[in-house]
Amino acid sequence: MATAVTETAVHPVMDPARQLLQLTTGYQISSCIYTAASLNIADLLASGPRRVEDLASDTKTNADRLYRVLGALVSVGVFAEPQPRTFALSAAAEFLRTDSSSPGLCRPGPLKA
């Protein structure tokens, strides 16, 4: 009979249902990060929070679709939504800025400078 793995300092045990959900939907978050980076959303938010309609106008995208992408990224802490339909940078989003001087710059694959 198999035994459950116990938590260690190196690998904390995650609820199995949550772990499976994260594994099966991870590509969606990756796609949303890629989309936000491609549209330079972090750069557009560098001066402060902005409404999704303004971001959509600047990026020539559909506001409702952009809202869903950014909402997904808010759910994992990449961006913040301080007011309904208004988005702001989070600490994680700073790494998506094109002018980031962080040594940990992590713009997705082909978007790296």
PDB file of N, CA and C in Angstrom:
ATOM      1  N   MET A   1       0.835  -1.172   0.000  1.00  0.00           N
ATOM      2  CA  MET A   1       0.000   0.000   0.000  1.00  0.00           C
ATOM      3  C   MET A   1       0.887   1.244   0.000  1.00  0.00           C
ATOM      4  N   ALA A   2       0.574   2.193  -0.866  1.00  0.00           N
ATOM      5  CA  ALA A   2       1.357   3.420  -0.967  1.00  0.00           C
ATOM      6  C   ALA A   2       1.085   4.316   0.233  1.00  0.00           C
ATOM      7  N   THR A   3       2.097   5.044   0.620  1.00  0.00           N
ATOM      8  CA  THR A   3       1.928   5.992   1.721  1.00  0.00           C
ATOM      9  C   THR A   3       2.052   7.405   1.189  1.00  0.00           C
ATOM     10  N   ALA A   4       1.386   8.322   1.843  1.00  0.00           N
ATOM     11  CA  ALA A   4       1.431   9.722   1.432  1.00  0.00           C
ATOM     12  C   ALA A   4       2.784  10.318   1.783  1.00  0.00           C
ATOM     13  N   VAL A   5       3.226  11.212   0.934  1.00  0.00           N
ATOM     14  CA  VAL A   5       4.470  11.927   1.188  1.00  0.00           C
ATOM     15  C   VAL A   5       4.191  12.998   2.227  1.00  0.00           C
ATOM     16  N   THR A   6       5.107  13.176   3.151  1.00  0.00           N
ATOM     17  CA  THR A   6       4.921  14.207   4.163  1.00  0.00           C
ATOM     18  C   THR A   6       5.662  15.477   3.770  1.00  0.00           C
ATOM     19  N   GLU A   7       5.250  16.564   4.361  1.00  0.00           N
ATOM     20  CA  GLU A   7       5.836  17.866   4.060  1.00  0.00           C
ATOM     21  C   GLU A   7       7.266  17.952   4.573  1.00  0.00           C
ATOM     22  N   THR A   8       8.120  18.573   3.764  1.00  0.00           N
ATOM     23  CA  THR A   8       9.486  18.861   4.177  1.00  0.00           C
ATOM     24  C   THR A   8       9.743  20.334   3.936  1.00  0.00           C
ATOM     25  N   ALA A   9      10.832  20.833   4.444  1.00  0.00           N
ATOM     26  CA  ALA A   9      11.165  22.241   4.236  1.00  0.00           C
ATOM     27  C   ALA A   9      11.423  22.542   2.764  1.00  0.00           C
ATOM     28  N   VAL A  10      11.917  21.560   2.035  1.00  0.00           N
ATOM     29  CA  VAL A  10      12.244  21.767   0.624  1.00  0.00           C
ATOM     30  C   VAL A  10      11.011  21.659  -0.258  1.00  0.00           C
ATOM     31  N   HIS A  11      10.133  20.723   0.018  1.00  0.00           N
ATOM     32  CA  HIS A  11       8.957  20.475  -0.814  1.00  0.00           C
ATOM     33  C   HIS A  11       7.701  20.381   0.038  1.00  0.00           C
ATOM     34  N   PRO A  12       7.060  21.522   0.332  1.00  0.00           N
ATOM     35  CA  PRO A  12       5.825  21.450   1.105  1.00  0.00           C
ATOM     36  C   PRO A  12       4.757  20.713   0.304  1.00  0.00           C
ATOM     37  N   VAL A  13       3.948  19.932   0.979  1.00  0.00           N
ATOM     38  CA  VAL A  13       2.902  19.158   0.312  1.00  0.00           C
ATOM     39  C   VAL A  13       1.711  20.072   0.044  1.00  0.00           C
ATOM     40  N   MET A  14       1.254  20.057  -1.196  1.00  0.00           N
ATOM     41  CA  MET A  14       0.107  20.845  -1.597  1.00  0.00           C
ATOM     42  C   MET A  14      -1.111  19.925  -1.609  1.00  0.00           C
ATOM     43  N   ASP A  15      -2.259  20.487  -1.343  1.00  0.00           N
ATOM     44  CA  ASP A  15      -3.491  19.727  -1.451  1.00  0.00           C
ATOM     45  C   ASP A  15      -3.519  19.080  -2.842  1.00  0.00           C
ATOM     46  N   PRO A  16      -3.717  17.767  -2.929  1.00  0.00           N
ATOM     47  CA  PRO A  16      -3.644  17.081  -4.228  1.00  0.00           C
ATOM     48  C   PRO A  16      -4.605  17.630  -5.284  1.00  0.00           C
ATOM     49  N   ALA A  17      -5.813  18.001  -4.882  1.00  0.00           N
ATOM     50  CA  ALA A  17      -6.765  18.547  -5.851  1.00  0.00           C
ATOM     51  C   ALA A  17      -6.269  19.888  -6.385  1.00  0.00           C
ATOM     52  N   ARG A  18      -5.748  20.719  -5.497  1.00  0.00           N
ATOM     53  CA  ARG A  18      -5.206  22.025  -5.915  1.00  0.00           C
ATOM     54  C   ARG A  18      -3.982  21.838  -6.811  1.00  0.00           C
ATOM     55  N   GLN A  19      -3.144  20.871  -6.464  1.00  0.00           N
ATOM     56  CA  GLN A  19      -1.955  20.601  -7.259  1.00  0.00           C
ATOM     57  C   GLN A  19      -2.335  20.176  -8.669  1.00  0.00           C
ATOM     58  N   LEU A  20      -3.305  19.285  -8.797  1.00  0.00           N
ATOM     59  CA  LEU A  20      -3.726  18.825 -10.111  1.00  0.00           C
ATOM     60  C   LEU A  20      -4.340  19.962 -10.920  1.00  0.00           C
ATOM     61  N   LEU A  21      -5.152  20.785 -10.262  1.00  0.00           N
ATOM     62  CA  LEU A  21      -5.741  21.933 -10.943  1.00  0.00           C
ATOM     63  C   LEU A  21      -4.648  22.867 -11.448  1.00  0.00           C
ATOM     64  N   GLN A  22      -3.652  23.128 -10.605  1.00  0.00           N
ATOM     65  CA  GLN A  22      -2.555  24.010 -11.000  1.00  0.00           C
ATOM     66  C   GLN A  22      -1.789  23.436 -12.191  1.00  0.00           C
ATOM     67  N   LEU A  23      -1.554  22.151 -12.168  1.00  0.00           N
ATOM     68  CA  LEU A  23      -0.816  21.508 -13.261  1.00  0.00           C
ATOM     69  C   LEU A  23      -1.595  21.529 -14.572  1.00  0.00           C
ATOM     70  N   THR A  24      -2.905  21.357 -14.495  1.00  0.00           N
ATOM     71  CA  THR A  24      -3.702  21.285 -15.723  1.00  0.00           C
ATOM     72  C   THR A  24      -4.072  22.650 -16.286  1.00  0.00           C
ATOM     73  N   THR A  25      -3.976  23.696 -15.486  1.00  0.00           N
ATOM     74  CA  THR A  25      -4.321  25.032 -15.981  1.00  0.00           C
ATOM     75  C   THR A  25      -3.110  25.956 -16.089  1.00  0.00           C
ATOM     76  N   GLY A  26      -1.947  25.471 -15.755  1.00  0.00           N
ATOM     77  CA  GLY A  26      -0.746  26.299 -15.786  1.00  0.00           C
ATOM     78  C   GLY A  26      -0.468  26.934 -17.134  1.00  0.00           C
ATOM     79  N   TYR A  27      -0.804  26.226 -18.201  1.00  0.00           N
ATOM     80  CA  TYR A  27      -0.554  26.773 -19.540  1.00  0.00           C
ATOM     81  C   TYR A  27      -1.385  28.026 -19.785  1.00  0.00           C
ATOM     82  N   GLN A  28      -2.558  28.100 -19.161  1.00  0.00           N
ATOM     83  CA  GLN A  28      -3.402  29.279 -19.352  1.00  0.00           C
ATOM     84  C   GLN A  28      -2.744  30.512 -18.745  1.00  0.00           C
ATOM     85  N   ILE A  29      -2.189  30.367 -17.565  1.00  0.00           N
ATOM     86  CA  ILE A  29      -1.498  31.493 -16.926  1.00  0.00           C
ATOM     87  C   ILE A  29      -0.262  31.872 -17.735  1.00  0.00           C
ATOM     88  N   SER A  30       0.472  30.871 -18.210  1.00  0.00           N
ATOM     89  CA  SER A  30       1.645  31.152 -19.052  1.00  0.00           C
ATOM     90  C   SER A  30       1.240  31.929 -20.297  1.00  0.00           C
ATOM     91  N   SER A  31       0.145  31.544 -20.903  1.00  0.00           N
ATOM     92  CA  SER A  31      -0.348  32.247 -22.097  1.00  0.00           C
ATOM     93  C   SER A  31      -0.745  33.677 -21.766  1.00  0.00           C
ATOM     94  N   CYS A  32      -1.358  33.867 -20.615  1.00  0.00           N
ATOM     95  CA  CYS A  32      -1.751  35.221 -20.202  1.00  0.00           C
ATOM     96  C   CYS A  32      -0.525  36.092 -19.933  1.00  0.00           C
ATOM     97  N   ILE A  33       0.492  35.524 -19.311  1.00  0.00           N
ATOM     98  CA  ILE A  33       1.732  36.273 -19.079  1.00  0.00           C
ATOM     99  C   ILE A  33       2.362  36.662 -20.409  1.00  0.00           C
ATOM    100  N   TYR A  34       2.410  35.725 -21.330  1.00  0.00           N
ATOM    101  CA  TYR A  34       2.972  36.002 -22.651  1.00  0.00           C
ATOM    102  C   TYR A  34       2.196  37.129 -23.337  1.00  0.00           C
ATOM    103  N   THR A  35       0.872  37.072 -23.255  1.00  0.00           N
ATOM    104  CA  THR A  35       0.034  38.096 -23.886  1.00  0.00           C
ATOM    105  C   THR A  35       0.294  39.460 -23.259  1.00  0.00           C
ATOM    106  N   ALA A  36       0.308  39.523 -21.934  1.00  0.00           N
ATOM    107  CA  ALA A  36       0.548  40.795 -21.250  1.00  0.00           C
ATOM    108  C   ALA A  36       1.930  41.346 -21.583  1.00  0.00           C
ATOM    109  N   ALA A  37       2.920  40.474 -21.647  1.00  0.00           N
ATOM    110  CA  ALA A  37       4.281  40.917 -21.984  1.00  0.00           C
ATOM    111  C   ALA A  37       4.345  41.391 -23.435  1.00  0.00           C
ATOM    112  N   SER A  38       3.691  40.673 -24.330  1.00  0.00           N
ATOM    113  CA  SER A  38       3.685  41.059 -25.752  1.00  0.00           C
ATOM    114  C   SER A  38       3.052  42.432 -25.951  1.00  0.00           C
ATOM    115  N   LEU A  39       2.029  42.723 -25.142  1.00  0.00           N
ATOM    116  CA  LEU A  39       1.328  44.003 -25.255  1.00  0.00           C
ATOM    117  C   LEU A  39       1.981  45.105 -24.425  1.00  0.00           C
ATOM    118  N   ASN A  40       3.059  44.771 -23.709  1.00  0.00           N
ATOM    119  CA  ASN A  40       3.765  45.734 -22.855  1.00  0.00           C
ATOM    120  C   ASN A  40       2.851  46.373 -21.813  1.00  0.00           C
ATOM    121  N   ILE A  41       1.960  45.558 -21.243  1.00  0.00           N
ATOM    122  CA  ILE A  41       1.025  46.056 -20.237  1.00  0.00           C
ATOM    123  C   ILE A  41       1.775  46.624 -19.026  1.00  0.00           C
ATOM    124  N   ALA A  42       2.814  45.963 -18.586  1.00  0.00           N
ATOM    125  CA  ALA A  42       3.564  46.450 -17.427  1.00  0.00           C
ATOM    126  C   ALA A  42       4.142  47.838 -17.698  1.00  0.00           C
ATOM    127  N   ASP A  43       4.615  48.080 -18.899  1.00  0.00           N
ATOM    128  CA  ASP A  43       5.132  49.404 -19.250  1.00  0.00           C
ATOM    129  C   ASP A  43       4.017  50.448 -19.202  1.00  0.00           C
ATOM    130  N   LEU A  44       2.836  50.065 -19.677  1.00  0.00           N
ATOM    131  CA  LEU A  44       1.710  50.994 -19.687  1.00  0.00           C
ATOM    132  C   LEU A  44       1.229  51.326 -18.273  1.00  0.00           C
ATOM    133  N   LEU A  45       1.504  50.436 -17.323  1.00  0.00           N
ATOM    134  CA  LEU A  45       1.097  50.651 -15.936  1.00  0.00           C
ATOM    135  C   LEU A  45       2.199  51.273 -15.079  1.00  0.00           C
ATOM    136  N   ALA A  46       3.347  51.529 -15.667  1.00  0.00           N
ATOM    137  CA  ALA A  46       4.491  52.039 -14.904  1.00  0.00           C
ATOM    138  C   ALA A  46       4.190  53.369 -14.221  1.00  0.00           C
ATOM    139  N   SER A  47       3.356  54.183 -14.814  1.00  0.00           N
ATOM    140  CA  SER A  47       3.050  55.493 -14.226  1.00  0.00           C
ATOM    141  C   SER A  47       1.881  55.445 -13.245  1.00  0.00           C
ATOM    142  N   GLY A  48       1.260  54.281 -13.098  1.00  0.00           N
ATOM    143  CA  GLY A  48       0.172  54.148 -12.131  1.00  0.00           C
ATOM    144  C   GLY A  48      -0.974  53.328 -12.679  1.00  0.00           C
ATOM    145  N   PRO A  49      -1.983  53.059 -11.843  1.00  0.00           N
ATOM    146  CA  PRO A  49      -3.136  52.246 -12.254  1.00  0.00           C
ATOM    147  C   PRO A  49      -3.887  52.863 -13.426  1.00  0.00           C
ATOM    148  N   ARG A  50      -4.430  51.968 -14.258  1.00  0.00           N
ATOM    149  CA  ARG A  50      -5.193  52.427 -15.429  1.00  0.00           C
ATOM    150  C   ARG A  50      -6.395  51.529 -15.647  1.00  0.00           C
ATOM    151  N   ARG A  51      -7.434  52.101 -16.187  1.00  0.00           N
ATOM    152  CA  ARG A  51      -8.645  51.330 -16.504  1.00  0.00           C
ATOM    153  C   ARG A  51      -8.375  50.431 -17.709  1.00  0.00           C
ATOM    154  N   VAL A  52      -9.022  49.293 -17.719  1.00  0.00           N
ATOM    155  CA  VAL A  52      -8.808  48.327 -18.796  1.00  0.00           C
ATOM    156  C   VAL A  52      -9.206  48.912 -20.152  1.00  0.00           C
ATOM    157  N   GLU A  53     -10.209  49.779 -20.174  1.00  0.00           N
ATOM    158  CA  GLU A  53     -10.622  50.382 -21.442  1.00  0.00           C
ATOM    159  C   GLU A  53      -9.498  51.231 -22.032  1.00  0.00           C
ATOM    160  N   ASP A  54      -8.753  51.931 -21.181  1.00  0.00           N
ATOM    161  CA  ASP A  54      -7.624  52.734 -21.647  1.00  0.00           C
ATOM    162  C   ASP A  54      -6.489  51.843 -22.142  1.00  0.00           C
ATOM    163  N   LEU A  55      -6.225  50.768 -21.402  1.00  0.00           N
ATOM    164  CA  LEU A  55      -5.182  49.826 -21.816  1.00  0.00           C
ATOM    165  C   LEU A  55      -5.544  49.186 -23.152  1.00  0.00           C
ATOM    166  N   ALA A  56      -6.803  48.828 -23.301  1.00  0.00           N
ATOM    167  CA  ALA A  56      -7.258  48.211 -24.554  1.00  0.00           C
ATOM    168  C   ALA A  56      -7.127  49.193 -25.715  1.00  0.00           C
ATOM    169  N   SER A  57      -7.456  50.445 -25.480  1.00  0.00           N
ATOM    170  CA  SER A  57      -7.317  51.455 -26.523  1.00  0.00           C
ATOM    171  C   SER A  57      -5.856  51.606 -26.943  1.00  0.00           C
ATOM    172  N   ASP A  58      -4.972  51.664 -25.955  1.00  0.00           N
ATOM    173  CA  ASP A  58      -3.544  51.819 -26.240  1.00  0.00           C
ATOM    174  C   ASP A  58      -2.945  50.611 -26.951  1.00  0.00           C
ATOM    175  N   THR A  59      -3.479  49.423 -26.666  1.00  0.00           N
ATOM    176  CA  THR A  59      -2.929  48.194 -27.261  1.00  0.00           C
ATOM    177  C   THR A  59      -3.736  47.701 -28.455  1.00  0.00           C
ATOM    178  N   LYS A  60      -4.798  48.444 -28.787  1.00  0.00           N
ATOM    179  CA  LYS A  60      -5.669  48.078 -29.907  1.00  0.00           C
ATOM    180  C   LYS A  60      -6.222  46.659 -29.732  1.00  0.00           C
ATOM    181  N   THR A  61      -6.719  46.391 -28.516  1.00  0.00           N
ATOM    182  CA  THR A  61      -7.315  45.096 -28.196  1.00  0.00           C
ATOM    183  C   THR A  61      -8.731  45.308 -27.678  1.00  0.00           C
ATOM    184  N   ASN A  62      -9.463  44.224 -27.543  1.00  0.00           N
ATOM    185  CA  ASN A  62     -10.815  44.243 -27.017  1.00  0.00           C
ATOM    186  C   ASN A  62     -10.759  44.359 -25.494  1.00  0.00           C
ATOM    187  N   ALA A  63     -11.459  45.333 -24.934  1.00  0.00           N
ATOM    188  CA  ALA A  63     -11.392  45.595 -23.493  1.00  0.00           C
ATOM    189  C   ALA A  63     -11.875  44.406 -22.657  1.00  0.00           C
ATOM    190  N   ASP A  64     -12.945  43.744 -23.073  1.00  0.00           N
ATOM    191  CA  ASP A  64     -13.458  42.617 -22.286  1.00  0.00           C
ATOM    192  C   ASP A  64     -12.500  41.433 -22.306  1.00  0.00           C
ATOM    193  N   ARG A  65     -11.899  41.185 -23.451  1.00  0.00           N
ATOM    194  CA  ARG A  65     -10.924  40.083 -23.528  1.00  0.00           C
ATOM    195  C   ARG A  65      -9.661  40.408 -22.739  1.00  0.00           C
ATOM    196  N   LEU A  66      -9.204  41.639 -22.829  1.00  0.00           N
ATOM    197  CA  LEU A  66      -8.032  42.045 -22.055  1.00  0.00           C
ATOM    198  C   LEU A  66      -8.340  41.969 -20.558  1.00  0.00           C
ATOM    199  N   TYR A  67      -9.561  42.324 -20.189  1.00  0.00           N
ATOM    200  CA  TYR A  67      -9.965  42.233 -18.785  1.00  0.00           C
ATOM    201  C   TYR A  67      -9.862  40.798 -18.276  1.00  0.00           C
ATOM    202  N   ARG A  68     -10.274  39.838 -19.090  1.00  0.00           N
ATOM    203  CA  ARG A  68     -10.185  38.430 -18.677  1.00  0.00           C
ATOM    204  C   ARG A  68      -8.731  37.995 -18.525  1.00  0.00           C
ATOM    205  N   VAL A  69      -7.872  38.413 -19.436  1.00  0.00           N
ATOM    206  CA  VAL A  69      -6.443  38.072 -19.344  1.00  0.00           C
ATOM    207  C   VAL A  69      -5.837  38.670 -18.075  1.00  0.00           C
ATOM    208  N   LEU A  70      -6.081  39.954 -17.854  1.00  0.00           N
ATOM    209  CA  LEU A  70      -5.506  40.611 -16.682  1.00  0.00           C
ATOM    210  C   LEU A  70      -6.123  40.089 -15.387  1.00  0.00           C
ATOM    211  N   GLY A  71      -7.406  39.758 -15.428  1.00  0.00           N
ATOM    212  CA  GLY A  71      -8.062  39.181 -14.253  1.00  0.00           C
ATOM    213  C   GLY A  71      -7.437  37.851 -13.855  1.00  0.00           C
ATOM    214  N   ALA A  72      -7.104  37.035 -14.857  1.00  0.00           N
ATOM    215  CA  ALA A  72      -6.438  35.765 -14.572  1.00  0.00           C
ATOM    216  C   ALA A  72      -5.086  36.022 -13.916  1.00  0.00           C
ATOM    217  N   LEU A  73      -4.394  37.032 -14.378  1.00  0.00           N
ATOM    218  CA  LEU A  73      -3.078  37.344 -13.815  1.00  0.00           C
ATOM    219  C   LEU A  73      -3.179  37.972 -12.423  1.00  0.00           C
ATOM    220  N   VAL A  74      -4.259  38.681 -12.152  1.00  0.00           N
ATOM    221  CA  VAL A  74      -4.501  39.180 -10.794  1.00  0.00           C
ATOM    222  C   VAL A  74      -4.683  38.001  -9.845  1.00  0.00           C
ATOM    223  N   SER A  75      -5.360  36.959 -10.313  1.00  0.00           N
ATOM    224  CA  SER A  75      -5.647  35.807  -9.444  1.00  0.00           C
ATOM    225  C   SER A  75      -4.392  35.083  -8.977  1.00  0.00           C
ATOM    226  N   VAL A  76      -3.286  35.269  -9.685  1.00  0.00           N
ATOM    227  CA  VAL A  76      -2.023  34.633  -9.285  1.00  0.00           C
ATOM    228  C   VAL A  76      -0.975  35.658  -8.856  1.00  0.00           C
ATOM    229  N   GLY A  77      -1.387  36.910  -8.690  1.00  0.00           N
ATOM    230  CA  GLY A  77      -0.502  37.927  -8.144  1.00  0.00           C
ATOM    231  C   GLY A  77       0.426  38.616  -9.115  1.00  0.00           C
ATOM    232  N   VAL A  78       0.219  38.437 -10.417  1.00  0.00           N
ATOM    233  CA  VAL A  78       1.101  39.099 -11.383  1.00  0.00           C
ATOM    234  C   VAL A  78       0.760  40.585 -11.496  1.00  0.00           C
ATOM    235  N   PHE A  79      -0.518  40.913 -11.509  1.00  0.00           N
ATOM    236  CA  PHE A  79      -0.974  42.303 -11.503  1.00  0.00           C
ATOM    237  C   PHE A  79      -1.909  42.486 -10.320  1.00  0.00           C
ATOM    238  N   ALA A  80      -2.300  43.725 -10.049  1.00  0.00           N
ATOM    239  CA  ALA A  80      -3.262  44.036  -8.994  1.00  0.00           C
ATOM    240  C   ALA A  80      -4.465  44.729  -9.625  1.00  0.00           C
ATOM    241  N   GLU A  81      -5.612  44.600  -8.972  1.00  0.00           N
ATOM    242  CA  GLU A  81      -6.833  45.278  -9.426  1.00  0.00           C
ATOM    243  C   GLU A  81      -7.361  46.097  -8.238  1.00  0.00           C
ATOM    244  N   PRO A  82      -6.807  47.316  -8.043  1.00  0.00           N
ATOM    245  CA  PRO A  82      -7.166  48.111  -6.873  1.00  0.00           C
ATOM    246  C   PRO A  82      -8.616  48.585  -6.867  1.00  0.00           C
ATOM    247  N   GLN A  83      -9.206  48.718  -8.043  1.00  0.00           N
ATOM    248  CA  GLN A  83     -10.616  49.083  -8.201  1.00  0.00           C
ATOM    249  C   GLN A  83     -11.146  48.249  -9.354  1.00  0.00           C
ATOM    250  N   PRO A  84     -12.461  48.051  -9.412  1.00  0.00           N
ATOM    251  CA  PRO A  84     -13.013  47.252 -10.511  1.00  0.00           C
ATOM    252  C   PRO A  84     -12.558  47.775 -11.880  1.00  0.00           C
ATOM    253  N   ARG A  85     -12.055  46.839 -12.683  1.00  0.00           N
ATOM    254  CA  ARG A  85     -11.618  47.102 -14.064  1.00  0.00           C
ATOM    255  C   ARG A  85     -10.455  48.089 -14.143  1.00  0.00           C
ATOM    256  N   THR A  86      -9.739  48.271 -13.067  1.00  0.00           N
ATOM    257  CA  THR A  86      -8.560  49.132 -13.024  1.00  0.00           C
ATOM    258  C   THR A  86      -7.386  48.276 -12.564  1.00  0.00           C
ATOM    259  N   PHE A  87      -6.294  48.326 -13.314  1.00  0.00           N
ATOM    260  CA  PHE A  87      -5.162  47.450 -13.032  1.00  0.00           C
ATOM    261  C   PHE A  87      -3.919  48.256 -12.680  1.00  0.00           C
ATOM    262  N   ALA A  88      -3.061  47.608 -11.884  1.00  0.00           N
ATOM    263  CA  ALA A  88      -1.820  48.223 -11.426  1.00  0.00           C
ATOM    264  C   ALA A  88      -0.723  47.171 -11.400  1.00  0.00           C
ATOM    265  N   LEU A  89       0.504  47.650 -11.328  1.00  0.00           N
ATOM    266  CA  LEU A  89       1.638  46.738 -11.204  1.00  0.00           C
ATOM    267  C   LEU A  89       1.666  46.094  -9.830  1.00  0.00           C
ATOM    268  N   SER A  90       2.171  44.896  -9.783  1.00  0.00           N
ATOM    269  CA  SER A  90       2.520  44.235  -8.522  1.00  0.00           C
ATOM    270  C   SER A  90       4.042  44.089  -8.554  1.00  0.00           C
ATOM    271  N   ALA A  91       4.597  43.576  -7.484  1.00  0.00           N
ATOM    272  CA  ALA A  91       6.042  43.346  -7.470  1.00  0.00           C
ATOM    273  C   ALA A  91       6.443  42.395  -8.595  1.00  0.00           C
ATOM    274  N   ALA A  92       5.628  41.389  -8.858  1.00  0.00           N
ATOM    275  CA  ALA A  92       5.937  40.429  -9.926  1.00  0.00           C
ATOM    276  C   ALA A  92       5.890  41.086 -11.307  1.00  0.00           C
ATOM    277  N   ALA A  93       4.932  41.974 -11.518  1.00  0.00           N
ATOM    278  CA  ALA A  93       4.781  42.619 -12.824  1.00  0.00           C
ATOM    279  C   ALA A  93       5.957  43.519 -13.170  1.00  0.00           C
ATOM    280  N   GLU A  94       6.661  44.010 -12.154  1.00  0.00           N
ATOM    281  CA  GLU A  94       7.837  44.846 -12.415  1.00  0.00           C
ATOM    282  C   GLU A  94       8.845  44.119 -13.309  1.00  0.00           C
ATOM    283  N   PHE A  95       8.913  42.805 -13.186  1.00  0.00           N
ATOM    284  CA  PHE A  95       9.856  42.027 -13.987  1.00  0.00           C
ATOM    285  C   PHE A  95       9.445  41.948 -15.457  1.00  0.00           C
ATOM    286  N   LEU A  96       8.211  42.307 -15.763  1.00  0.00           N
ATOM    287  CA  LEU A  96       7.740  42.275 -17.147  1.00  0.00           C
ATOM    288  C   LEU A  96       7.975  43.595 -17.868  1.00  0.00           C
ATOM    289  N   ARG A  97       8.430  44.606 -17.151  1.00  0.00           N
ATOM    290  CA  ARG A  97       8.686  45.892 -17.795  1.00  0.00           C
ATOM    291  C   ARG A  97       9.907  45.776 -18.706  1.00  0.00           C
ATOM    292  N   THR A  98       9.842  46.452 -19.834  1.00  0.00           N
ATOM    293  CA  THR A  98      10.958  46.381 -20.784  1.00  0.00           C
ATOM    294  C   THR A  98      12.179  47.129 -20.269  1.00  0.00           C
ATOM    295  N   ASP A  99      11.971  48.079 -19.370  1.00  0.00           N
ATOM    296  CA  ASP A  99      13.100  48.846 -18.844  1.00  0.00           C
ATOM    297  C   ASP A  99      13.552  48.342 -17.477  1.00  0.00           C
ATOM    298  N   SER A 100      13.128  47.153 -17.096  1.00  0.00           N
ATOM    299  CA  SER A 100      13.506  46.605 -15.797  1.00  0.00           C
ATOM    300  C   SER A 100      15.017  46.403 -15.748  1.00  0.00           C
ATOM    301  N   SER A 101      15.600  46.886 -14.659  1.00  0.00           N
ATOM    302  CA  SER A 101      17.044  46.714 -14.487  1.00  0.00           C
ATOM    303  C   SER A 101      17.334  45.556 -13.540  1.00  0.00           C
ATOM    304  N   SER A 102      16.310  44.806 -13.217  1.00  0.00           N
ATOM    305  CA  SER A 102      16.476  43.689 -12.291  1.00  0.00           C
ATOM    306  C   SER A 102      17.329  42.595 -12.913  1.00  0.00           C
ATOM    307  N   PRO A 103      18.256  42.036 -12.128  1.00  0.00           N
ATOM    308  CA  PRO A 103      19.064  40.930 -12.651  1.00  0.00           C
ATOM    309  C   PRO A 103      18.218  39.683 -12.912  1.00  0.00           C
ATOM    310  N   GLY A 104      17.015  39.645 -12.359  1.00  0.00           N
ATOM    311  CA  GLY A 104      16.139  38.494 -12.552  1.00  0.00           C
ATOM    312  C   GLY A 104      15.130  38.700 -13.653  1.00  0.00           C
ATOM    313  N   LEU A 105      15.435  39.591 -14.585  1.00  0.00           N
ATOM    314  CA  LEU A 105      14.512  39.895 -15.674  1.00  0.00           C
ATOM    315  C   LEU A 105      13.960  38.601 -16.272  1.00  0.00           C
ATOM    316  N   CYS A 106      12.655  38.522 -16.338  1.00  0.00           N
ATOM    317  CA  CYS A 106      12.071  37.264 -16.809  1.00  0.00           C
ATOM    318  C   CYS A 106      11.017  37.472 -17.879  1.00  0.00           C
ATOM    319  N   ARG A 107      11.265  38.364 -18.803  1.00  0.00           N
ATOM    320  CA  ARG A 107      10.326  38.477 -19.922  1.00  0.00           C
ATOM    321  C   ARG A 107      10.304  37.143 -20.638  1.00  0.00           C
ATOM    322  N   PRO A 108       9.102  36.676 -20.989  1.00  0.00           N
ATOM    323  CA  PRO A 108       8.974  35.344 -21.591  1.00  0.00           C
ATOM    324  C   PRO A 108       9.790  35.167 -22.855  1.00  0.00           C
ATOM    325  N   GLY A 109      10.383  34.001 -22.966  1.00  0.00           N
ATOM    326  CA  GLY A 109      11.178  33.527 -24.090  1.00  0.00           C
ATOM    327  C   GLY A 109      11.528  34.502 -25.187  1.00  0.00           C
ATOM    328  N   PRO A 110      10.776  34.508 -26.293  1.00  0.00           N
ATOM    329  CA  PRO A 110      11.130  35.357 -27.430  1.00  0.00           C
ATOM    330  C   PRO A 110      11.012  36.835 -27.150  1.00  0.00           C
ATOM    331  N   LEU A 111      10.452  37.226 -25.997  1.00  0.00           N
ATOM    332  CA  LEU A 111      10.311  38.643 -25.687  1.00  0.00           C
ATOM    333  C   LEU A 111      11.522  39.205 -24.968  1.00  0.00           C
ATOM    334  N   LYS A 112      12.470  38.353 -24.613  1.00  0.00           N
ATOM    335  CA  LYS A 112      13.650  38.849 -23.917  1.00  0.00           C
ATOM    336  C   LYS A 112      14.414  39.806 -24.809  1.00  0.00           C
ATOM    337  N   ALA A 113      14.931  40.854 -24.190  1.00  0.00           N
ATOM    338  CA  ALA A 113      15.663  41.864 -24.962  1.00  0.00           C
ATOM    339  C   ALA A 113      17.004  41.326 -25.391  1.00  0.00           C
TER     340      ALA A 113
END
